[in-house]
């Protein structure tokens, strides 16, 4: 879990566009982030396993 201060800092508009940090909206993690879902890989997996992400299901082959 990220501190609330780092979450707040990430939401501010940066001075330069390259300094933008995308964070998971659920936990605030910045590594393993998926832009399509605004989630980190851990939260994505939890929500997908519960069936709370529409159109996503576990693959099996």
C-alpha atoms as a PDB file:
ATOM      1  CA  UNK A   1       0.000   0.000   0.000  1.00  0.00           C
ATOM      2  CA  UNK A   2       1.266   3.415  -0.959  1.00  0.00           C
ATOM      3  CA  UNK A   3       1.166   6.286   1.509  1.00  0.00           C
ATOM      4  CA  UNK A   4      -1.627   8.791   1.050  1.00  0.00           C
ATOM      5  CA  UNK A   5       0.948  11.520   0.452  1.00  0.00           C
ATOM      6  CA  UNK A   6       2.424   9.658  -2.529  1.00  0.00           C
ATOM      7  CA  UNK A   7      -1.054   9.018  -3.935  1.00  0.00           C
ATOM      8  CA  UNK A   8      -1.883  12.711  -3.647  1.00  0.00           C
ATOM      9  CA  UNK A   9       1.410  13.707  -5.269  1.00  0.00           C
ATOM     10  CA  UNK A  10       0.737  11.354  -8.200  1.00  0.00           C
ATOM     11  CA  UNK A  11      -2.644  12.993  -8.858  1.00  0.00           C
ATOM     12  CA  UNK A  12      -1.137  16.480  -9.225  1.00  0.00           C
ATOM     13  CA  UNK A  13      -0.269  17.686 -12.712  1.00  0.00           C
ATOM     14  CA  UNK A  14       3.507  17.307 -13.106  1.00  0.00           C
ATOM     15  CA  UNK A  15       5.811  20.081 -14.254  1.00  0.00           C
ATOM     16  CA  UNK A  16       6.895  17.949 -17.209  1.00  0.00           C
ATOM     17  CA  UNK A  17       4.839  15.267 -18.951  1.00  0.00           C
ATOM     18  CA  UNK A  18       7.570  12.638 -18.569  1.00  0.00           C
ATOM     19  CA  UNK A  19       7.327  12.885 -14.780  1.00  0.00           C
ATOM     20  CA  UNK A  20       3.770  11.574 -14.758  1.00  0.00           C
ATOM     21  CA  UNK A  21       3.388   8.524 -12.494  1.00  0.00           C
ATOM     22  CA  UNK A  22       0.439   6.232 -13.096  1.00  0.00           C
ATOM     23  CA  UNK A  23      -0.774   4.401 -10.018  1.00  0.00           C
ATOM     24  CA  UNK A  24      -3.346   1.728  -9.274  1.00  0.00           C
ATOM     25  CA  UNK A  25      -6.529   3.450  -8.135  1.00  0.00           C
ATOM     26  CA  UNK A  26      -7.239   0.709  -5.612  1.00  0.00           C
ATOM     27  CA  UNK A  27      -3.928   0.312  -3.752  1.00  0.00           C
ATOM     28  CA  UNK A  28      -1.660   3.018  -5.167  1.00  0.00           C
ATOM     29  CA  UNK A  29       1.038   0.690  -6.484  1.00  0.00           C
ATOM     30  CA  UNK A  30       3.069   2.125  -9.373  1.00  0.00           C
ATOM     31  CA  UNK A  31       4.874  -0.988 -10.596  1.00  0.00           C
ATOM     32  CA  UNK A  32       3.057  -3.635 -12.645  1.00  0.00           C
ATOM     33  CA  UNK A  33       0.417  -1.103 -13.738  1.00  0.00           C
ATOM     34  CA  UNK A  34      -2.067  -1.888 -16.530  1.00  0.00           C
ATOM     35  CA  UNK A  35      -3.342   1.204 -18.326  1.00  0.00           C
ATOM     36  CA  UNK A  36      -6.410  -0.513 -19.759  1.00  0.00           C
ATOM     37  CA  UNK A  37      -7.824  -1.178 -16.292  1.00  0.00           C
ATOM     38  CA  UNK A  38      -6.087   1.455 -14.091  1.00  0.00           C
ATOM     39  CA  UNK A  39      -5.032  -1.421 -11.832  1.00  0.00           C
ATOM     40  CA  UNK A  40      -1.797  -3.056 -10.779  1.00  0.00           C
ATOM     41  CA  UNK A  41      -1.267  -6.716 -11.598  1.00  0.00           C
ATOM     42  CA  UNK A  42      -2.112  -7.854  -8.059  1.00  0.00           C
ATOM     43  CA  UNK A  43      -5.445  -6.019  -7.838  1.00  0.00           C
ATOM     44  CA  UNK A  44      -6.255  -7.069 -11.401  1.00  0.00           C
ATOM     45  CA  UNK A  45      -5.769 -10.699 -10.509  1.00  0.00           C
ATOM     46  CA  UNK A  46      -7.883 -10.419  -7.341  1.00  0.00           C
ATOM     47  CA  UNK A  47     -10.790  -8.737  -9.131  1.00  0.00           C
ATOM     48  CA  UNK A  48     -10.589 -11.078 -12.118  1.00  0.00           C
ATOM     49  CA  UNK A  49     -10.671 -14.144  -9.853  1.00  0.00           C
ATOM     50  CA  UNK A  50     -13.779 -12.813  -8.116  1.00  0.00           C
ATOM     51  CA  UNK A  51     -15.415 -12.138 -11.494  1.00  0.00           C
ATOM     52  CA  UNK A  52     -15.747  -8.397 -10.856  1.00  0.00           C
ATOM     53  CA  UNK A  53     -14.084  -7.350 -14.138  1.00  0.00           C
ATOM     54  CA  UNK A  54     -16.524  -7.704 -17.038  1.00  0.00           C
ATOM     55  CA  UNK A  55     -15.199  -9.638 -20.016  1.00  0.00           C
ATOM     56  CA  UNK A  56     -12.200 -11.096 -18.152  1.00  0.00           C
ATOM     57  CA  UNK A  57     -11.987 -14.747 -17.252  1.00  0.00           C
ATOM     58  CA  UNK A  58      -9.208 -17.110 -16.322  1.00  0.00           C
ATOM     59  CA  UNK A  59      -7.666 -18.871 -19.280  1.00  0.00           C
ATOM     60  CA  UNK A  60      -7.308 -22.623 -19.469  1.00  0.00           C
ATOM     61  CA  UNK A  61      -5.931 -24.764 -22.267  1.00  0.00           C
END
